[in-house]
PDB file of N, CA and C in Angstrom:
ATOM      1  N   MET A   1      92.730 120.809  59.710  1.00  0.00           N
ATOM      2  CA  MET A   1      92.028 118.790  59.812  1.00  0.00           C
ATOM      3  C   MET A   1      93.514 117.852  60.183  1.00  0.00           C
ATOM      4  N   GLY A   2      94.494 118.489  59.944  1.00  0.00           N
ATOM      5  CA  GLY A   2      95.580 117.819  58.950  1.00  0.00           C
ATOM      6  C   GLY A   2      95.435 117.291  61.250  1.00  0.00           C
ATOM      7  N   ASN A   3      95.688 117.998  62.397  1.00  0.00           N
ATOM      8  CA  ASN A   3      96.988 117.536  63.319  1.00  0.00           C
ATOM      9  C   ASN A   3      94.661 116.691  63.933  1.00  0.00           C
ATOM     10  N   VAL A   4      94.072 116.774  63.558  1.00  0.00           N
ATOM     11  CA  VAL A   4      93.244 116.270  64.470  1.00  0.00           C
ATOM     12  C   VAL A   4      93.349 114.898  63.429  1.00  0.00           C
ATOM     13  N   ALA A   5      93.764 114.287  62.317  1.00  0.00           N
ATOM     14  CA  ALA A   5      93.844 112.929  61.445  1.00  0.00           C
ATOM     15  C   ALA A   5      94.755 112.772  62.280  1.00  0.00           C
ATOM     16  N   ILE A   6      96.126 113.371  62.402  1.00  0.00           N
ATOM     17  CA  ILE A   6      96.830 112.393  63.176  1.00  0.00           C
ATOM     18  C   ILE A   6      96.624 112.775  64.580  1.00  0.00           C
ATOM     19  N   LEU A   7      95.931 113.327  65.585  1.00  0.00           N
ATOM     20  CA  LEU A   7      95.767 113.033  67.024  1.00  0.00           C
ATOM     21  C   LEU A   7      94.704 111.677  67.256  1.00  0.00           C
ATOM     22  N   ILE A   8      93.893 111.278  66.045  1.00  0.00           N
ATOM     23  CA  ILE A   8      93.123 109.926  66.284  1.00  0.00           C
ATOM     24  C   ILE A   8      93.438 108.663  66.092  1.00  0.00           C
ATOM     25  N   PRO A   9      94.823 108.468  65.636  1.00  0.00           N
ATOM     26  CA  PRO A   9      95.281 107.000  65.992  1.00  0.00           C
ATOM     27  C   PRO A   9      96.540 107.667  67.145  1.00  0.00           C
ATOM     28  N   LEU A  10      96.800 108.501  67.303  1.00  0.00           N
ATOM     29  CA  LEU A  10      97.266 108.340  68.676  1.00  0.00           C
ATOM     30  C   LEU A  10      97.003 108.556  69.765  1.00  0.00           C
ATOM     31  N   MET A  11      95.891 108.788  70.193  1.00  0.00           N
ATOM     32  CA  MET A  11      94.755 108.603  70.451  1.00  0.00           C
ATOM     33  C   MET A  11      94.539 106.769  70.907  1.00  0.00           C
ATOM     34  N   ALA A  12      94.392 106.846  69.262  1.00  0.00           N
ATOM     35  CA  ALA A  12      93.995 104.964  69.881  1.00  0.00           C
ATOM     36  C   ALA A  12      95.289 104.017  69.914  1.00  0.00           C
ATOM     37  N   LEU A  13      96.542 104.622  69.951  1.00  0.00           N
ATOM     38  CA  LEU A  13      96.994 104.015  71.073  1.00  0.00           C
ATOM     39  C   LEU A  13      97.210 104.061  71.999  1.00  0.00           C
ATOM     40  N   LEU A  14      97.250 105.390  72.287  1.00  0.00           N
ATOM     41  CA  LEU A  14      98.084 105.593  74.436  1.00  0.00           C
ATOM     42  C   LEU A  14      96.518 105.438  75.119  1.00  0.00           C
ATOM     43  N   ILE A  15      95.126 104.573  74.541  1.00  0.00           N
ATOM     44  CA  ILE A  15      94.463 104.787  75.658  1.00  0.00           C
ATOM     45  C   ILE A  15      94.658 102.813  75.901  1.00  0.00           C
ATOM     46  N   PRO A  16      94.422 101.700  74.641  1.00  0.00           N
ATOM     47  CA  PRO A  16      95.177 100.548  75.358  1.00  0.00           C
ATOM     48  C   PRO A  16      96.376 100.774  76.224  1.00  0.00           C
ATOM     49  N   ILE A  17      97.560 101.605  75.842  1.00  0.00           N
ATOM     50  CA  ILE A  17      98.703 101.039  76.119  1.00  0.00           C
ATOM     51  C   ILE A  17      97.768 102.395  78.502  1.00  0.00           C
ATOM     52  N   VAL A  18      97.321 103.233  78.056  1.00  0.00           N
ATOM     53  CA  VAL A  18      97.330 103.243  79.725  1.00  0.00           C
ATOM     54  C   VAL A  18      96.920 102.488  80.566  1.00  0.00           C
ATOM     55  N   ALA A  19      95.463 101.805  79.660  1.00  0.00           N
ATOM     56  CA  ALA A  19      95.091 101.062  80.389  1.00  0.00           C
ATOM     57  C   ALA A  19      96.001 100.147  80.731  1.00  0.00           C
ATOM     58  N   ILE A  20      96.913  99.420  80.355  1.00  0.00           N
ATOM     59  CA  ILE A  20      98.275  98.410  80.540  1.00  0.00           C
ATOM     60  C   ILE A  20      99.062  98.765  81.901  1.00  0.00           C
ATOM     61  N   VAL A  21      99.455  99.859  82.290  1.00  0.00           N
ATOM     62  CA  VAL A  21     100.354 100.624  82.360  1.00  0.00           C
ATOM     63  C   VAL A  21      98.980 101.007  83.935  1.00  0.00           C
ATOM     64  N   MET A  22      97.992 100.621  84.263  1.00  0.00           N
ATOM     65  CA  MET A  22      97.906 100.527  85.434  1.00  0.00           C
ATOM     66  C   MET A  22      97.171  99.985  85.041  1.00  0.00           C
ATOM     67  N   THR A  23      96.768  99.045  84.947  1.00  0.00           N
ATOM     68  CA  THR A  23      96.158  97.489  85.095  1.00  0.00           C
ATOM     69  C   THR A  23      97.033  97.397  85.733  1.00  0.00           C
ATOM     70  N   ASN A  24      98.921  97.471  85.755  1.00  0.00           N
ATOM     71  CA  ASN A  24      99.957  96.309  86.027  1.00  0.00           C
ATOM     72  C   ASN A  24      99.811  97.348  87.515  1.00  0.00           C
ATOM     73  N   TRP A  25      99.878  98.269  87.803  1.00  0.00           N
ATOM     74  CA  TRP A  25     100.017  99.750  88.094  1.00  0.00           C
ATOM     75  C   TRP A  25      99.180  99.111  89.262  1.00  0.00           C
ATOM     76  N   ALA A  26      98.232  98.676  89.870  1.00  0.00           N
ATOM     77  CA  ALA A  26      96.831  98.180  90.389  1.00  0.00           C
ATOM     78  C   ALA A  26      97.518  97.221  91.374  1.00  0.00           C
ATOM     79  N   LYS A  27      97.710  95.539  90.642  1.00  0.00           N
ATOM     80  CA  LYS A  27      98.376  95.578  90.979  1.00  0.00           C
ATOM     81  C   LYS A  27      99.377  95.151  92.191  1.00  0.00           C
ATOM     82  N   VAL A  28      99.820  96.019  91.297  1.00  0.00           N
ATOM     83  CA  VAL A  28     101.424  96.035  92.210  1.00  0.00           C
ATOM     84  C   VAL A  28     101.147  96.933  93.744  1.00  0.00           C
ATOM     85  N   ARG A  29     100.213  97.341  93.646  1.00  0.00           N
ATOM     86  CA  ARG A  29     100.075  98.282  94.638  1.00  0.00           C
ATOM     87  C   ARG A  29      98.531  97.711  95.684  1.00  0.00           C
ATOM     88  N   ASN A  30      98.336  96.589  95.046  1.00  0.00           N
ATOM     89  CA  ASN A  30      97.427  95.410  95.675  1.00  0.00           C
ATOM     90  C   ASN A  30      98.313  94.441  96.391  1.00  0.00           C
ATOM     91  N   ARG A  31      99.668  94.189  96.857  1.00  0.00           N
ATOM     92  CA  ARG A  31      99.948  93.274  96.140  1.00  0.00           C
ATOM     93  C   ARG A  31     101.683  93.549  97.437  1.00  0.00           C
ATOM     94  N   GLN A  32     101.317  94.794  97.214  1.00  0.00           N
ATOM     95  CA  GLN A  32     102.135  96.099  98.609  1.00  0.00           C
ATOM     96  C   GLN A  32     100.927  95.913  99.038  1.00  0.00           C
ATOM     97  N   LEU A  33     100.175  96.069  99.675  1.00  0.00           N
ATOM     98  CA  LEU A  33      98.945  96.412 101.278  1.00  0.00           C
ATOM     99  C   LEU A  33      98.839  95.209 101.026  1.00  0.00           C
ATOM    100  N   ASP A  34      99.221  94.079 100.531  1.00  0.00           N
ATOM    101  CA  ASP A  34      99.132  92.388 101.163  1.00  0.00           C
ATOM    102  C   ASP A  34     100.024  92.456 101.856  1.00  0.00           C
ATOM    103  N   ILE A  35     101.475  92.964 102.686  1.00  0.00           N
ATOM    104  CA  ILE A  35     102.157  92.387 102.131  1.00  0.00           C
ATOM    105  C   ILE A  35     102.917  93.472 103.829  1.00  0.00           C
ATOM    106  N   MET A  36     101.904  94.537 103.264  1.00  0.00           N
ATOM    107  CA  MET A  36     101.951  95.327 104.327  1.00  0.00           C
ATOM    108  C   MET A  36     100.904  94.904 105.951  1.00  0.00           C
ATOM    109  N   GLU A  37      99.965  94.253 105.240  1.00  0.00           N
ATOM    110  CA  GLU A  37      98.614  94.243 106.260  1.00  0.00           C
ATOM    111  C   GLU A  37      99.267  92.080 107.034  1.00  0.00           C
ATOM    112  N   ARG A  38     100.831  92.048 106.822  1.00  0.00           N
ATOM    113  CA  ARG A  38     100.861  90.612 106.783  1.00  0.00           C
ATOM    114  C   ARG A  38     101.347  91.198 107.779  1.00  0.00           C
ATOM    115  N   GLY A  39     102.859  91.755 107.986  1.00  0.00           N
ATOM    116  CA  GLY A  39     103.494  92.533 109.015  1.00  0.00           C
ATOM    117  C   GLY A  39     104.744  92.401 108.209  1.00  0.00           C
ATOM    118  N   GLY A  40     104.538  92.581 106.661  1.00  0.00           N
ATOM    119  CA  GLY A  40     106.000  92.623 106.301  1.00  0.00           C
ATOM    120  C   GLY A  40     106.237  91.427 106.030  1.00  0.00           C
ATOM    121  N   PHE A  41     107.540  91.253 105.890  1.00  0.00           N
ATOM    122  CA  PHE A  41     108.504  89.952 105.350  1.00  0.00           C
ATOM    123  C   PHE A  41     109.424  89.522 106.827  1.00  0.00           C
ATOM    124  N   ASP A  42     109.856  88.333 106.354  1.00  0.00           N
ATOM    125  CA  ASP A  42     110.485  87.971 107.682  1.00  0.00           C
ATOM    126  C   ASP A  42     112.166  88.676 107.622  1.00  0.00           C
ATOM    127  N   LEU A  43     112.919  89.238 108.016  1.00  0.00           N
ATOM    128  CA  LEU A  43     114.320  89.634 108.478  1.00  0.00           C
ATOM    129  C   LEU A  43     114.962  88.451 107.747  1.00  0.00           C
ATOM    130  N   GLY A  44     115.762  87.950 109.398  1.00  0.00           N
ATOM    131  CA  GLY A  44     117.027  87.094 108.912  1.00  0.00           C
ATOM    132  C   GLY A  44     116.850  86.801 111.054  1.00  0.00           C
ATOM    133  N   GLN A  45     117.453  86.485 111.216  1.00  0.00           N
ATOM    134  CA  GLN A  45     118.170  86.303 112.442  1.00  0.00           C
ATOM    135  C   GLN A  45     119.685  87.320 112.409  1.00  0.00           C
ATOM    136  N   GLU A  46     119.999  87.274 111.488  1.00  0.00           N
ATOM    137  CA  GLU A  46     121.258  88.055 111.437  1.00  0.00           C
ATOM    138  C   GLU A  46     121.210  89.995 111.058  1.00  0.00           C
ATOM    139  N   ALA A  47     120.498  89.672 110.274  1.00  0.00           N
ATOM    140  CA  ALA A  47     119.189  91.483 110.175  1.00  0.00           C
ATOM    141  C   ALA A  47     119.151  91.885 111.549  1.00  0.00           C
ATOM    142  N   GLU A  48     118.585  91.243 112.764  1.00  0.00           N
ATOM    143  CA  GLU A  48     116.946  91.576 113.954  1.00  0.00           C
ATOM    144  C   GLU A  48     118.188  91.550 114.555  1.00  0.00           C
ATOM    145  N   ALA A  49     119.594  91.327 114.762  1.00  0.00           N
ATOM    146  CA  ALA A  49     120.652  91.105 115.768  1.00  0.00           C
ATOM    147  C   ALA A  49     121.468  92.693 115.896  1.00  0.00           C
ATOM    148  N   LYS A  50     121.693  93.441 114.120  1.00  0.00           N
ATOM    149  CA  LYS A  50     121.938  94.638 113.658  1.00  0.00           C
ATOM    150  C   LYS A  50     121.339  95.819 114.136  1.00  0.00           C
ATOM    151  N   ILE A  51     119.548  95.200 113.984  1.00  0.00           N
ATOM    152  CA  ILE A  51     119.562  96.289 114.408  1.00  0.00           C
ATOM    153  C   ILE A  51     118.699  96.602 115.897  1.00  0.00           C
ATOM    154  N   ALA A  52     119.116  95.402 116.726  1.00  0.00           N
ATOM    155  CA  ALA A  52     119.275  95.335 117.694  1.00  0.00           C
ATOM    156  C   ALA A  52     119.936  96.128 118.509  1.00  0.00           C
ATOM    157  N   LYS A  53     121.153  95.755 117.512  1.00  0.00           N
ATOM    158  CA  LYS A  53     122.968  96.587 117.915  1.00  0.00           C
ATOM    159  C   LYS A  53     122.447  98.171 117.487  1.00  0.00           C
ATOM    160  N   LEU A  54     121.993  98.553 116.302  1.00  0.00           N
ATOM    161  CA  LEU A  54     121.834 100.288 115.471  1.00  0.00           C
ATOM    162  C   LEU A  54     120.973 100.448 117.292  1.00  0.00           C
ATOM    163  N   GLU A  55     119.896  99.519 117.454  1.00  0.00           N
ATOM    164  CA  GLU A  55     119.100 100.598 118.576  1.00  0.00           C
ATOM    165  C   GLU A  55     120.032 100.396 119.705  1.00  0.00           C
ATOM    166  N   ALA A  56     120.281  99.962 120.295  1.00  0.00           N
ATOM    167  CA  ALA A  56     121.138 100.193 121.445  1.00  0.00           C
ATOM    168  C   ALA A  56     122.137 101.307 121.332  1.00  0.00           C
ATOM    169  N   ARG A  57     122.594 101.331 119.997  1.00  0.00           N
ATOM    170  CA  ARG A  57     123.625 102.710 120.519  1.00  0.00           C
ATOM    171  C   ARG A  57     122.887 103.760 119.584  1.00  0.00           C
ATOM    172  N   VAL A  58     121.543 103.929 118.847  1.00  0.00           N
ATOM    173  CA  VAL A  58     121.094 105.118 119.353  1.00  0.00           C
ATOM    174  C   VAL A  58     120.363 105.312 120.768  1.00  0.00           C
ATOM    175  N   ALA A  59     119.927 104.183 121.706  1.00  0.00           N
ATOM    176  CA  ALA A  59     119.635 104.789 122.941  1.00  0.00           C
ATOM    177  C   ALA A  59     120.853 105.336 123.215  1.00  0.00           C
ATOM    178  N   VAL A  60     121.612 104.673 123.253  1.00  0.00           N
ATOM    179  CA  VAL A  60     123.958 105.678 124.246  1.00  0.00           C
ATOM    180  C   VAL A  60     123.082 106.820 123.307  1.00  0.00           C
ATOM    181  N   LEU A  61     123.570 107.241 122.360  1.00  0.00           N
ATOM    182  CA  LEU A  61     123.623 108.426 121.662  1.00  0.00           C
ATOM    183  C   LEU A  61     122.173 109.409 122.074  1.00  0.00           C
ATOM    184  N   GLU A  62     120.733 108.868 122.132  1.00  0.00           N
ATOM    185  CA  GLU A  62     120.106 110.053 122.657  1.00  0.00           C
ATOM    186  C   GLU A  62     120.589 110.376 124.410  1.00  0.00           C
ATOM    187  N   ARG A  63     120.860 109.820 125.309  1.00  0.00           N
ATOM    188  CA  ARG A  63     121.170 109.700 126.233  1.00  0.00           C
ATOM    189  C   ARG A  63     122.471 110.299 126.716  1.00  0.00           C
ATOM    190  N   ILE A  64     123.332 110.477 125.771  1.00  0.00           N
ATOM    191  CA  ILE A  64     124.627 111.328 125.277  1.00  0.00           C
ATOM    192  C   ILE A  64     124.329 113.220 125.224  1.00  0.00           C
ATOM    193  N   ALA A  65     123.604 112.711 124.183  1.00  0.00           N
ATOM    194  CA  ALA A  65     123.045 114.170 123.501  1.00  0.00           C
ATOM    195  C   ALA A  65     121.819 114.879 124.261  1.00  0.00           C
ATOM    196  N   THR A  66     121.189 115.234 125.150  1.00  0.00           N
ATOM    197  CA  THR A  66     120.360 114.841 125.648  1.00  0.00           C
ATOM    198  C   THR A  66     121.511 114.768 127.552  1.00  0.00           C
ATOM    199  N   ASP A  67     122.173 114.759 128.309  1.00  0.00           N
ATOM    200  CA  ASP A  67     122.576 114.979 129.507  1.00  0.00           C
ATOM    201  C   ASP A  67     124.128 115.852 129.757  1.00  0.00           C
ATOM    202  N   LYS A  68     123.152 116.448 130.862  1.00  0.00           N
ATOM    203  CA  LYS A  68     124.378 117.533 130.830  1.00  0.00           C
ATOM    204  C   LYS A  68     125.588 118.290 131.965  1.00  0.00           C
ATOM    205  N   ARG A  69     126.164 116.245 131.611  1.00  0.00           N
ATOM    206  CA  ARG A  69     126.312 117.029 132.950  1.00  0.00           C
ATOM    207  C   ARG A  69     128.695 116.732 132.464  1.00  0.00           C
ATOM    208  N   LEU A  70     129.377 117.698 133.575  1.00  0.00           N
ATOM    209  CA  LEU A  70     130.796 116.948 133.034  1.00  0.00           C
ATOM    210  C   LEU A  70     131.524 115.914 132.704  1.00  0.00           C
ATOM    211  N   THR A  71     130.855 115.191 132.707  1.00  0.00           N
ATOM    212  CA  THR A  71     131.795 113.646 132.346  1.00  0.00           C
ATOM    213  C   THR A  71     131.218 113.256 131.024  1.00  0.00           C
ATOM    214  N   LEU A  72     130.723 114.139 130.484  1.00  0.00           N
ATOM    215  CA  LEU A  72     130.017 113.909 128.570  1.00  0.00           C
ATOM    216  C   LEU A  72     131.446 113.580 128.590  1.00  0.00           C
ATOM    217  N   ALA A  73     132.354 114.609 127.937  1.00  0.00           N
ATOM    218  CA  ALA A  73     133.977 114.065 127.266  1.00  0.00           C
ATOM    219  C   ALA A  73     134.156 112.657 127.746  1.00  0.00           C
ATOM    220  N   ASP A  74     134.392 111.835 127.719  1.00  0.00           N
ATOM    221  CA  ASP A  74     134.757 111.547 128.781  1.00  0.00           C
ATOM    222  C   ASP A  74     133.928 110.211 128.323  1.00  0.00           C
ATOM    223  N   GLU A  75     131.935 110.087 128.517  1.00  0.00           N
ATOM    224  CA  GLU A  75     131.098 109.034 128.122  1.00  0.00           C
ATOM    225  C   GLU A  75     131.689 108.666 126.128  1.00  0.00           C
ATOM    226  N   ILE A  76     131.963 110.036 125.822  1.00  0.00           N
ATOM    227  CA  ILE A  76     132.389 110.337 124.163  1.00  0.00           C
ATOM    228  C   ILE A  76     133.739 108.640 123.884  1.00  0.00           C
ATOM    229  N   ASN A  77     133.845 109.921 124.867  1.00  0.00           N
ATOM    230  CA  ASN A  77     135.929 109.062 124.137  1.00  0.00           C
ATOM    231  C   ASN A  77     134.968 107.612 124.535  1.00  0.00           C
ATOM    232  N   GLN A  78     135.239 107.032 125.481  1.00  0.00           N
ATOM    233  CA  GLN A  78     134.500 105.836 125.675  1.00  0.00           C
ATOM    234  C   GLN A  78     133.532 104.859 124.534  1.00  0.00           C
ATOM    235  N   LEU A  79     132.688 106.456 124.573  1.00  0.00           N
ATOM    236  CA  LEU A  79     132.240 105.242 123.072  1.00  0.00           C
ATOM    237  C   LEU A  79     133.248 105.015 122.237  1.00  0.00           C
ATOM    238  N   LYS A  80     133.837 105.921 121.598  1.00  0.00           N
ATOM    239  CA  LYS A  80     134.975 106.141 119.942  1.00  0.00           C
ATOM    240  C   LYS A  80     135.734 104.447 120.185  1.00  0.00           C
ATOM    241  N   GLY A  81     137.033 104.065 121.452  1.00  0.00           N
ATOM    242  CA  GLY A  81     137.287 103.775 121.782  1.00  0.00           C
ATOM    243  C   GLY A  81     137.101 101.752 121.829  1.00  0.00           C
TER     244      GLY A  81
END
């Protein structure tokens, strides 16, 4: 009977805490979904330039990785320089 007496006040405290946490979590999740629907966020010109540069580098690396020519070593050396 002593264990049950401890559980009743514990449950009385946990129920509102869980309700508050879940409410806040739902609000955050709704904000995330709203941001995703609007297309994310605006990066800035500097970030967009970096992304474009990285995409170009990845394209070159993909081409080199799939290229079977003998000049592969030469192209890799050009990228290092």
